[in-house]
Protein backbone atom coordinates (compact mmCIF):
# COMPACT_ATOMS: atom_id res chain seq x y z
CA MET A 1 43.01 142.76 69.67
CA LYS A 2 41.96 139.41 71.01
CA LYS A 3 44.15 137.96 73.81
CA ARG A 4 44.12 134.35 74.59
CA ASN A 5 44.11 134.99 78.20
CA GLY A 6 42.35 138.29 79.16
CA LEU A 7 42.79 137.35 82.99
CA ILE A 8 45.29 134.90 84.24
CA VAL A 9 46.00 133.19 87.64
CA GLY A 10 48.35 135.39 89.76
CA LEU A 11 47.07 138.62 88.49
CA SER A 12 44.91 138.69 91.62
CA VAL A 13 47.38 141.07 93.00
CA ALA A 14 47.21 143.50 90.26
CA ILE A 15 43.27 143.19 90.41
CA ALA A 16 43.39 143.54 94.10
CA VAL A 17 45.08 146.75 93.48
CA VAL A 18 42.45 147.80 90.79
CA ALA A 19 39.81 146.88 93.34
CA LEU A 20 41.76 148.59 96.13
CA VAL A 21 41.21 152.08 94.47
CA CYS A 22 37.87 151.87 92.87
CA SER A 23 34.42 153.50 94.00
CA VAL A 24 31.19 151.61 93.21
CA VAL A 25 27.81 151.07 94.95
CA LEU A 26 26.63 147.46 94.13
CA LYS A 27 22.91 146.69 94.12
CA ILE A 28 22.27 143.40 95.78
CA THR A 29 18.81 141.54 95.39
CA PRO A 30 18.22 138.06 96.64
CA THR A 31 18.21 135.21 94.42
CA SER A 32 17.62 131.41 94.56
CA ASP A 33 20.57 129.05 94.69
CA ASN A 34 22.17 128.86 91.27
CA SER A 35 22.44 125.31 90.72
CA VAL A 36 20.65 123.02 88.24
CA SER A 37 17.09 121.95 88.96
CA ALA A 38 17.08 118.32 90.17
CA ALA A 39 13.74 117.77 88.53
CA LYS A 40 15.02 119.13 85.21
CA TYR A 41 17.87 116.59 84.95
CA ASP A 42 16.38 113.50 86.67
CA LYS A 43 18.17 113.80 90.01
CA ALA A 44 17.85 110.06 90.35
CA SER A 45 20.18 109.53 87.39
CA PHE A 46 23.02 111.28 89.15
CA SER A 47 22.94 109.94 92.64
CA THR A 48 25.99 108.19 92.31
CA LEU A 49 29.24 108.85 90.24
CA ALA A 50 28.39 106.14 87.76
CA GLY A 51 25.45 108.17 86.72
CA TYR A 52 27.61 111.04 85.77
CA TYR A 53 30.03 108.88 83.97
CA SER A 54 27.40 107.25 81.84
CA GLN A 55 25.41 109.97 80.95
CA LYS A 56 24.56 110.69 77.31
CA PRO A 57 24.36 114.27 76.63
CA LEU A 58 22.13 115.91 73.77
CA TRP A 59 24.39 117.38 71.06
CA SER A 60 23.25 120.02 68.84
CA ASN A 61 24.69 122.75 66.46
CA CYS A 62 26.54 125.33 68.29
CA PRO A 63 25.68 129.16 67.87
CA GLY A 64 28.49 131.43 66.56
CA GLU A 65 30.83 131.37 63.74
CA ASN A 66 31.96 127.64 63.47
CA LYS A 67 29.09 125.97 61.81
CA LYS A 68 30.81 122.70 62.12
CA ALA A 69 30.94 122.76 66.11
CA ARG A 70 28.55 120.71 68.04
CA CYS A 71 27.63 121.71 71.52
CA ALA A 72 26.04 119.96 74.72
CA ASP A 73 25.82 120.35 78.39
CA ILE A 74 27.28 117.70 80.67
CA ILE A 75 26.16 117.29 84.08
CA VAL A 76 28.67 117.18 86.95
CA PRO A 77 28.10 117.11 90.93
CA LEU A 78 27.70 120.37 92.49
CA ASP A 79 29.91 119.49 95.59
CA TRP A 80 32.35 116.59 94.87
CA SER A 81 32.09 115.39 98.62
CA ASN A 82 28.30 114.93 98.21
CA VAL A 83 27.80 113.98 94.51
CA GLY A 84 24.09 113.34 94.72
CA ALA A 85 23.01 116.44 96.47
CA ASN A 86 22.73 118.65 93.57
CA GLN A 87 24.11 119.12 90.03
CA ILE A 88 25.47 121.85 87.78
CA LYS A 89 25.76 121.95 83.99
CA ILE A 90 29.40 122.25 82.06
CA ALA A 91 29.04 123.59 78.57
CA VAL A 92 30.99 121.77 75.95
CA ALA A 93 31.60 122.42 72.30
CA VAL A 94 33.63 119.97 69.65
CA ASN A 95 35.09 121.15 66.60
CA PRO A 96 35.18 117.87 64.49
CA ALA A 97 38.54 116.76 62.87
CA THR A 98 38.82 115.95 59.05
CA ASP A 99 38.01 112.19 60.16
CA PRO A 100 35.87 112.60 63.01
CA THR A 101 35.09 109.11 63.68
CA ASN A 102 38.52 107.90 63.74
CA ALA A 103 40.32 111.04 65.29
CA PRO A 104 41.14 111.50 69.01
CA TYR A 105 39.72 113.96 71.34
CA LEU A 106 41.86 116.88 72.67
CA LEU A 107 40.49 118.90 75.53
CA MET A 108 41.77 122.51 75.91
CA ASN A 109 41.49 125.47 78.19
CA PRO A 110 42.43 128.91 77.26
CA GLY A 111 43.31 130.20 80.64
CA GLY A 112 41.73 132.63 83.24
CA PRO A 113 40.67 131.42 85.51
CA GLY A 114 37.27 132.38 83.73
CA GLY A 115 38.20 131.98 79.99
CA SER A 116 35.75 130.15 77.95
CA GLY A 117 36.99 127.10 76.16
CA LYS A 118 33.57 126.90 74.33
CA GLU A 119 34.02 130.26 72.99
CA TRP A 120 37.24 129.42 71.50
CA ILE A 121 35.60 126.48 69.62
CA THR A 122 32.67 128.31 68.66
CA LYS A 123 34.14 131.70 67.66
CA TYR A 124 37.89 131.45 67.35
CA ILE A 125 38.74 128.00 66.00
CA SER A 126 41.00 129.53 63.43
CA SER A 127 43.20 130.92 65.88
CA LEU A 128 43.59 127.73 68.13
CA GLY A 129 46.81 125.91 67.39
CA THR A 130 47.53 125.25 63.57
CA SER A 131 45.43 123.74 60.76
CA LYS A 132 47.38 120.66 61.34
CA LEU A 133 46.09 120.27 64.81
CA ARG A 134 42.61 121.07 63.90
CA SER A 135 42.62 118.37 61.27
CA ALA A 136 43.89 115.69 63.33
CA TYR A 137 41.97 116.11 66.47
CA ASN A 138 38.29 116.56 67.59
CA LEU A 139 39.07 119.80 69.58
CA VAL A 140 37.02 120.14 72.69
CA GLY A 141 36.50 123.28 74.42
CA PHE A 142 34.56 123.69 77.64
CA ASP A 143 33.59 126.43 80.04
CA PRO A 144 34.75 125.23 83.75
CA ARG A 145 32.36 125.37 86.51
CA GLY A 146 31.25 129.07 87.06
CA VAL A 147 32.18 130.28 83.69
CA GLY A 148 30.42 131.23 80.65
CA ASP A 149 27.77 129.01 79.58
CA SER A 150 28.23 126.42 82.31
CA THR A 151 26.14 127.17 85.62
CA PRO A 152 27.82 130.63 85.97
CA ILE A 153 29.22 132.86 88.79
CA LYS A 154 27.48 136.20 88.98
CA CYS A 155 28.43 139.06 91.38
CA THR A 156 26.75 142.42 90.36
CA GLY A 157 23.41 143.44 89.30
CA SER A 158 24.46 145.15 86.14
CA PRO A 159 27.33 145.56 83.73
CA SER A 160 27.83 149.25 84.93
CA ALA A 161 28.14 148.14 88.48
CA LEU A 162 30.98 145.80 87.27
CA ARG A 163 32.48 148.35 85.21
CA ASP A 164 32.48 150.81 87.97
CA PHE A 165 34.08 148.46 90.40
CA LEU A 166 36.92 147.63 87.94
CA TYR A 167 37.53 151.07 86.50
CA ASN A 168 36.77 153.94 89.12
CA ALA A 169 39.09 155.27 91.45
CA SER A 170 39.39 155.82 95.19
CA PRO A 171 38.52 159.39 96.59
CA PHE A 172 41.16 158.72 98.80
CA GLU A 173 45.11 158.92 98.90
CA LEU A 174 46.47 155.57 97.60
CA GLY A 175 47.73 153.43 100.26
CA SER A 176 46.29 155.82 103.15
CA LYS A 177 44.46 154.19 106.15
CA LYS A 178 41.28 155.71 104.64
CA ASP A 179 42.08 154.09 101.41
CA ILE A 180 42.73 150.60 102.87
CA ASN A 181 39.55 150.61 104.97
CA TYR A 182 37.55 151.68 102.01
CA SER A 183 39.06 148.91 100.07
CA LYS A 184 38.26 146.27 102.89
CA THR A 185 34.61 147.65 102.93
CA LEU A 186 34.38 147.44 98.93
CA ILE A 187 36.06 143.95 98.55
CA LYS A 188 34.04 142.54 101.55
CA PHE A 189 30.83 143.83 100.00
CA PHE A 190 31.74 142.54 96.47
CA GLY A 191 32.39 138.95 97.96
CA GLN A 192 28.86 139.16 99.62
CA ALA A 193 27.33 140.33 96.30
CA CYS A 194 28.98 137.29 94.43
CA LEU A 195 27.31 134.97 97.17
CA THR A 196 23.74 136.50 96.95
CA TYR A 197 23.80 136.41 93.16
CA THR A 198 25.50 133.10 92.80
CA GLY A 199 24.31 131.02 95.70
CA SER A 200 26.14 127.67 97.15
CA LEU A 201 28.11 127.39 93.76
CA LEU A 202 30.43 130.19 94.88
CA GLY A 203 31.90 127.55 97.52
CA HIS A 204 32.61 124.95 94.76
CA VAL A 205 34.45 126.59 91.78
CA ASP A 206 37.76 125.70 92.95
CA THR A 207 40.21 124.25 90.57
CA SER A 208 40.26 120.68 92.28
CA SER A 209 36.68 120.60 91.48
CA ALA A 210 36.92 121.71 87.92
CA ALA A 211 39.73 119.21 87.30
CA LYS A 212 37.46 116.31 88.35
CA ASP A 213 34.62 117.71 86.21
CA MET A 214 37.26 117.00 83.42
CA ASP A 215 37.27 113.39 84.09
CA ILE A 216 33.58 112.83 83.56
CA LEU A 217 34.21 114.90 80.24
CA ARG A 218 36.79 112.32 79.31
CA ALA A 219 34.27 109.42 79.97
CA VAL A 220 31.40 111.06 78.21
CA LEU A 221 33.51 111.56 75.15
CA GLY A 222 34.34 107.89 74.96
CA SER A 223 38.26 108.34 75.63
CA LYS A 224 40.13 106.01 77.75
CA LYS A 225 42.86 108.61 78.20
CA LEU A 226 42.55 112.29 78.35
CA ASN A 227 44.54 114.35 75.72
CA TYR A 228 44.84 117.87 76.92
CA LEU A 229 46.18 121.34 75.77
CA GLY A 230 46.26 123.87 78.44
CA TYR A 231 47.33 127.64 78.53
CA SER A 232 48.21 129.85 81.39
CA TYR A 233 45.63 128.85 84.24
CA GLY A 234 44.64 125.91 81.86
CA THR A 235 48.13 124.57 83.02
CA LEU A 236 46.95 124.57 86.62
CA LEU A 237 43.89 122.70 85.68
CA GLY A 238 45.96 120.27 83.55
CA ILE A 239 48.38 119.66 86.57
CA THR A 240 45.63 119.17 88.86
CA TYR A 241 43.87 116.73 86.90
CA ALA A 242 47.15 114.65 86.23
CA SER A 243 47.65 114.71 90.14
CA PHE A 244 44.29 113.22 90.72
CA PHE A 245 44.14 110.90 87.64
CA PRO A 246 47.66 110.21 86.72
CA LYS A 247 46.78 106.83 85.17
CA LYS A 248 44.10 108.53 82.89
CA VAL A 249 46.69 111.22 81.26
CA GLY A 250 47.30 110.87 77.71
CA LYS A 251 49.21 113.50 75.78
CA PHE A 252 49.45 116.52 77.94
CA VAL A 253 50.82 120.01 76.67
CA LEU A 254 51.04 122.78 79.25
CA ASP A 255 51.85 126.27 77.82
CA GLY A 256 52.63 129.46 80.06
CA VAL A 257 52.90 127.45 83.20
CA VAL A 258 51.41 128.15 86.53
CA ASP A 259 53.36 126.58 89.50
CA PRO A 260 51.10 125.03 91.92
CA THR A 261 53.84 124.47 94.43
CA VAL A 262 54.56 128.16 95.10
CA SER A 263 53.10 130.40 97.91
CA PRO A 264 50.55 132.95 96.91
CA THR A 265 53.03 135.57 98.07
CA GLN A 266 55.88 134.22 95.98
CA ASP A 267 53.48 133.77 92.90
CA SER A 268 52.67 137.64 93.18
CA LEU A 269 56.54 138.39 93.21
CA ASN A 270 57.28 136.17 90.35
CA GLN A 271 54.57 137.72 88.09
CA LEU A 272 55.54 141.43 89.06
CA THR A 273 59.21 140.10 88.07
CA GLY A 274 57.75 138.91 84.75
CA PHE A 275 55.63 142.21 84.03
CA GLN A 276 58.81 144.32 85.07
CA SER A 277 61.13 142.35 82.58
CA ALA A 278 58.37 142.67 79.67
CA MET A 279 58.15 146.33 80.32
CA ARG A 280 61.81 146.85 80.15
CA ALA A 281 62.08 144.84 76.98
CA TYR A 282 59.18 147.18 75.42
CA LEU A 283 61.13 150.01 76.25
CA ALA A 284 64.44 148.88 75.23
CA ASP A 285 62.89 147.97 71.64
CA CYS A 286 61.04 151.32 71.69
CA ILE A 287 64.01 153.57 72.42
CA SER A 288 66.33 151.59 70.13
CA ASN A 289 63.91 150.68 67.02
CA VAL A 290 60.89 152.91 66.83
CA SER A 291 60.68 156.13 65.13
CA GLY A 292 58.73 158.72 67.29
CA CYS A 293 59.32 156.71 70.61
CA PRO A 294 58.17 159.05 73.35
CA PHE A 295 61.29 157.63 75.36
CA ALA A 296 64.05 158.35 72.79
CA GLY A 297 67.19 159.41 74.15
CA LEU A 298 66.51 158.16 77.47
CA THR A 299 67.78 154.93 79.16
CA VAL A 300 65.34 152.26 80.21
CA ASP A 301 65.52 153.26 83.95
CA GLN A 302 64.91 156.87 82.94
CA ALA A 303 62.00 155.90 81.01
CA MET A 304 60.48 153.81 83.65
CA THR A 305 60.82 156.69 86.21
CA LYS A 306 59.16 159.20 83.58
CA ILE A 307 56.15 156.87 83.05
CA GLY A 308 55.79 156.57 86.91
CA ASN A 309 56.11 160.31 87.54
CA GLU A 310 54.47 161.84 84.50
CA PHE A 311 51.72 159.35 83.72
CA LEU A 312 50.90 156.94 86.66
CA LYS A 313 51.27 159.13 89.73
CA PRO A 314 49.08 161.90 88.37
CA LEU A 315 46.48 159.43 87.74
CA GLU A 316 46.14 158.64 91.42
CA THR A 317 44.44 162.04 92.12
CA THR A 318 43.18 163.47 88.83
CA ALA A 319 41.58 161.31 86.06
CA MET A 320 42.78 161.97 82.63
CA TYR A 321 40.92 163.16 79.57
CA THR A 322 40.00 160.61 76.89
CA SER A 323 38.44 161.42 73.54
CA GLU A 324 36.08 158.34 74.16
CA LYS A 325 32.69 159.99 74.75
CA ASN A 326 31.92 160.66 78.49
CA ARG A 327 34.90 158.57 79.63
CA THR A 328 38.05 159.37 81.65
CA LEU A 329 40.99 157.47 82.41
CA THR A 330 41.82 156.45 85.91
CA ILE A 331 44.72 155.03 87.68
CA ASN A 332 42.96 151.60 87.54
CA SER A 333 42.38 151.45 83.82
CA GLY A 334 45.73 153.31 83.05
CA PHE A 335 47.89 150.80 84.87
CA THR A 336 45.53 148.00 83.51
CA GLY A 337 46.14 149.26 80.05
CA ILE A 338 49.77 148.91 80.34
CA LEU A 339 49.60 145.49 81.64
CA ALA A 340 47.38 144.52 78.93
CA ALA A 341 49.67 145.65 76.20
CA LEU A 342 52.67 143.52 77.64
CA TYR A 343 50.99 140.11 76.79
CA SER A 344 52.21 140.17 73.44
CA LYS A 345 54.98 141.83 71.27
CA ASP A 346 52.26 142.51 68.72
CA SER A 347 50.57 144.75 71.17
CA TRP A 348 53.84 146.92 71.75
CA GLN A 349 52.69 149.26 69.03
CA TYR A 350 49.45 150.15 70.71
CA LEU A 351 51.31 150.79 74.06
CA THR A 352 53.65 153.24 72.01
CA LYS A 353 50.83 155.09 70.50
CA ALA A 354 49.21 155.30 73.93
CA PHE A 355 52.44 156.87 75.36
CA GLN A 356 52.68 159.30 72.49
CA ASP A 357 49.37 160.63 73.30
CA VAL A 358 50.00 161.27 76.94
CA ILE A 359 53.75 162.09 77.47
CA GLY A 360 54.75 165.59 76.95
CA LYS A 361 51.25 166.45 75.58
CA ALA A 362 49.59 169.89 76.69
CA LYS A 363 46.13 167.92 76.43
CA PRO A 364 46.98 164.36 77.23
CA ASP A 365 44.56 161.90 75.72
CA GLY A 366 44.27 158.45 77.64
CA ARG A 367 41.97 156.86 74.92
CA ILE A 368 44.24 154.09 73.85
CA PHE A 369 45.05 153.19 77.38
CA LEU A 370 41.37 153.02 78.11
CA LEU A 371 40.70 150.78 74.75
CA LEU A 372 43.68 148.41 75.94
CA ALA A 373 41.77 148.10 79.48
CA ASP A 374 38.56 147.38 77.75
CA SER A 375 40.23 144.52 75.92
CA TYR A 376 41.80 143.19 78.93
CA TYR A 377 38.26 143.25 80.64
CA GLY A 378 36.35 142.37 77.70
CA TYR A 379 34.27 145.44 78.01
CA ASP A 380 32.32 146.95 74.93
CA ASP A 381 31.45 150.55 75.50
CA SER A 382 29.31 150.76 72.56
CA THR A 383 26.62 148.32 74.24
CA LYS A 384 27.81 148.92 77.92
CA THR A 385 28.23 145.29 78.18
CA PHE A 386 31.03 142.53 79.24
CA GLY A 387 31.38 139.83 76.61
CA SER A 388 31.48 137.27 79.54
CA ASN A 389 31.48 136.67 83.29
CA GLU A 390 35.16 136.08 83.01
CA ASN A 391 35.97 138.99 85.62
CA GLU A 392 33.66 137.75 88.19
CA ALA A 393 34.79 134.15 87.66
CA PHE A 394 38.36 135.09 87.93
CA LYS A 395 37.96 136.61 91.31
CA ALA A 396 35.61 133.84 92.51
CA ILE A 397 37.98 130.95 91.52
CA SER A 398 41.33 132.76 92.31
CA CYS A 399 39.89 133.47 95.94
CA LEU A 400 39.00 129.89 96.41
CA ASP A 401 42.10 128.55 95.32
CA SER A 402 44.63 130.64 97.36
CA ARG A 403 45.16 133.91 98.71
CA GLU A 404 47.93 136.11 100.49
CA SER A 405 47.83 136.90 103.96
CA ASP A 406 45.82 140.11 104.72
CA SER A 407 47.30 140.69 108.20
CA GLU A 408 49.15 144.37 108.37
CA ALA A 409 52.46 142.74 109.04
CA SER A 410 52.51 140.38 106.32
CA MET A 411 51.10 143.03 103.69
CA LEU A 412 53.76 145.59 104.80
CA GLN A 413 56.54 143.05 104.25
CA GLN A 414 55.26 142.10 100.82
CA ASN A 415 54.92 145.87 100.00
CA ALA A 416 58.57 146.30 100.85
CA ARG A 417 59.41 143.24 98.38
CA VAL A 418 57.22 144.36 95.47
CA LEU A 419 58.86 147.93 95.72
CA ALA A 420 62.18 146.45 95.88
CA ILE A 421 61.30 144.47 92.48
CA SER A 422 59.79 147.51 90.70
CA PRO A 423 59.54 151.02 92.28
CA VAL A 424 57.20 152.06 89.44
CA PHE A 425 55.03 149.01 89.04
CA GLY A 426 55.36 147.88 92.70
CA ARG A 427 53.45 150.92 93.82
CA TYR A 428 50.30 149.50 92.32
CA TRP A 429 51.09 145.95 93.34
CA GLN A 430 50.99 146.55 97.00
CA TYR A 431 48.38 145.25 99.56
CA GLY A 432 47.81 142.15 97.40
CA GLY A 433 46.11 140.42 100.67
CA LEU A 434 43.19 142.46 100.32
CA GLY A 435 42.21 141.12 96.97
CA CYS A 436 40.02 138.35 98.70
CA TYR A 437 39.29 140.22 101.95
CA LYS A 438 36.52 138.45 104.10
CA TRP A 439 35.62 136.04 101.00
CA PRO A 440 32.47 134.16 102.03
CA PHE A 441 34.35 130.84 101.86
CA ALA A 442 37.77 129.40 102.91
CA VAL A 443 40.50 128.44 100.46
CA VAL A 444 39.90 124.75 99.04
CA PRO A 445 43.08 122.93 99.13
CA GLY A 446 44.56 121.38 95.82
CA PRO A 447 46.13 118.02 95.70
CA LYS A 448 48.82 117.24 98.41
CA ASP A 449 51.11 116.03 95.72
CA TYR A 450 51.58 117.37 92.11
CA SER A 451 54.16 115.03 90.78
CA ALA A 452 51.63 112.79 88.87
CA LYS A 453 54.26 110.06 89.18
CA SER A 454 51.93 107.41 87.35
CA ALA A 455 51.51 109.71 84.42
CA PRO A 456 53.50 109.47 81.21
CA THR A 457 55.82 112.38 80.13
CA ILE A 458 54.03 115.80 80.20
CA LEU A 459 55.34 118.51 77.48
CA VAL A 460 55.86 121.75 79.32
CA VAL A 461 56.00 124.93 77.33
CA GLY A 462 57.97 128.10 78.77
CA THR A 463 58.70 131.48 77.07
CA THR A 464 61.77 133.20 78.24
CA ASN A 465 60.13 136.59 78.73
CA ASP A 466 56.51 135.77 79.49
CA PRO A 467 55.17 138.58 81.70
CA ALA A 468 52.15 136.62 83.11
CA THR A 469 53.57 133.02 83.86
CA PRO A 470 57.33 133.76 84.12
CA TYR A 471 59.82 131.20 82.49
CA SER A 472 61.17 130.19 85.86
CA GLN A 473 57.77 128.43 86.70
CA ALA A 474 58.06 126.37 83.64
CA GLN A 475 61.56 125.18 84.54
CA ASN A 476 60.51 124.32 87.99
CA VAL A 477 57.43 122.46 87.15
CA ALA A 478 59.10 120.59 84.44
CA HIS A 479 62.20 119.66 86.39
CA ASN A 480 61.00 119.62 90.08
CA VAL A 481 57.27 119.29 90.43
CA LEU A 482 56.22 116.69 87.65
CA ALA A 483 57.76 113.37 88.04
CA HIS A 484 57.97 113.32 84.20
CA GLY A 485 58.17 116.62 82.70
CA TRP A 486 59.88 117.74 79.49
CA LEU A 487 60.63 121.52 78.85
CA LEU A 488 60.23 123.08 75.61
CA THR A 489 61.66 126.79 75.73
CA TYR A 490 60.64 129.39 73.41
CA GLN A 491 63.17 132.22 73.47
CA GLY A 492 61.20 135.27 73.03
CA GLU A 493 58.49 137.80 74.34
CA GLY A 494 54.81 137.12 75.17
CA HIS A 495 52.63 135.04 77.03
CA THR A 496 52.34 131.48 75.98
CA ALA A 497 53.99 130.13 72.73
CA TYR A 498 52.10 127.33 70.94
CA GLY A 499 50.25 128.84 67.89
CA SER A 500 51.58 132.37 68.46
CA SER A 501 55.43 131.90 68.09
CA ASN A 502 57.44 129.89 65.57
CA GLN A 503 57.42 126.73 63.49
CA CYS A 504 59.95 125.09 65.81
CA VAL A 505 57.50 125.44 68.83
CA ALA A 506 54.61 124.14 66.47
CA ASP A 507 56.58 121.24 65.11
CA THR A 508 57.55 120.01 68.54
CA VAL A 509 54.17 120.25 70.05
CA GLU A 510 52.20 118.61 67.13
CA ASN A 511 54.74 115.90 66.80
CA PHE A 512 54.25 114.99 70.41
CA LEU A 513 50.37 115.23 70.25
CA SER A 514 50.65 113.09 67.25
CA ASN A 515 52.62 110.17 68.03
CA GLY A 516 53.63 110.92 71.87
CA LYS A 517 57.42 111.26 70.76
CA LEU A 518 59.81 114.01 71.81
CA PRO A 519 63.67 114.66 71.28
CA ALA A 520 66.09 113.01 73.51
CA LYS A 521 67.29 116.47 74.77
CA GLU A 522 64.83 119.33 75.80
CA LYS A 523 64.79 121.74 73.15
CA THR A 524 65.07 125.67 72.66
CA CYS A 525 63.21 127.30 69.76
């Protein structure tokens, strides 16, 4: 089950809770600063911005399943406030159009933060958009700074240490003073490990810097305007780029929208509301339409209470048996498994099977929940490895972009809000301010104004019951944030719509990308 966005912006709260109750010892060893060697890349060529914009990358065949794709590394400044000091690399892959010489370029980002755009070109090109899009555009995927094959973020000495950090449970009662203090120590230690393994790059993986990198990519590809398709966190990248370079904006599509104008605390509440709504939709469908639904005969509210009392709360103190060899299910992996299945209606069948294996069973088996969590984190137990550094990059980028207050008073107020939204899910959405506790670098502010007044109309796509980026965010960005936004609504379930919903959405997006035209009135599909 491959998700477009394994981790998305705003889930810092859920991840904070995951971190809040895990137990791990990380081994830290010193490392050199993780930036590009000046000698290797001829530092003199990149002493000014002009050198970056005029570079000629060396293109070669990409590794991976897509034999047509071409790859290169493009050099950008480590620190945009001191462009000549040091450099990092951005990994780029291009899938050629049917007529690549005459076709325009379309840059894409699949989300995260931490998702690899290069990987979508080299491994998953058939699932990107539609065949019409892939024929018309030279599709460009890139790994933002800190991600994947670009100069990467690294936070642990081994995959097993990261797995333990994400999956293991606290030895203390959830939310107790010992648990809170344990979590503070653990998260602070994780941030220091990121700094030790990554070096000064850790302070420069903010979204504003990544958006400025995109303009170098535009120039190196020879495009006067940047055409762009961004999903989930990729919408934040797109909005940020448009705010910095409004006159360089070509045809922009933002699907599954992150609203950069809301506070971190409100963003957390928005996302909890989204997951709560998606869970209730799943339960209503299961109860009404699924033979063997373990919640048959119950109301949605009764089913939610049953999940809390009979599945989640017992996991807080006792790990559950799974038929996966030598692995148990903790509250971390159990709750994460639920969230993972709510990203797409296609995954509801797995969630039903997971609940069938645990609800009312004499010997519950949490295997499916564990596999869902593995999918979410990109973990392969057969090799004991993660497919990428997405989890580490997610934490590093998210903590540099924004964070909730970690004052006790603020967290207690926020705890009350999340419990009011969802007594069941809200229990595991508390203490979000600890998610970036004592992070080594301060927040890097984004643009002061996200309206992109000089940019042309930007197409914003929102799904009415999107769990991860709620529809209200798409509405606000299209109508109140962007000076020239146009909202396409997909009435349905799941995170993002283009390429995974219906022909109405596909036609509207592709007509816009091909000729820049939109219907006179905003549309619902």
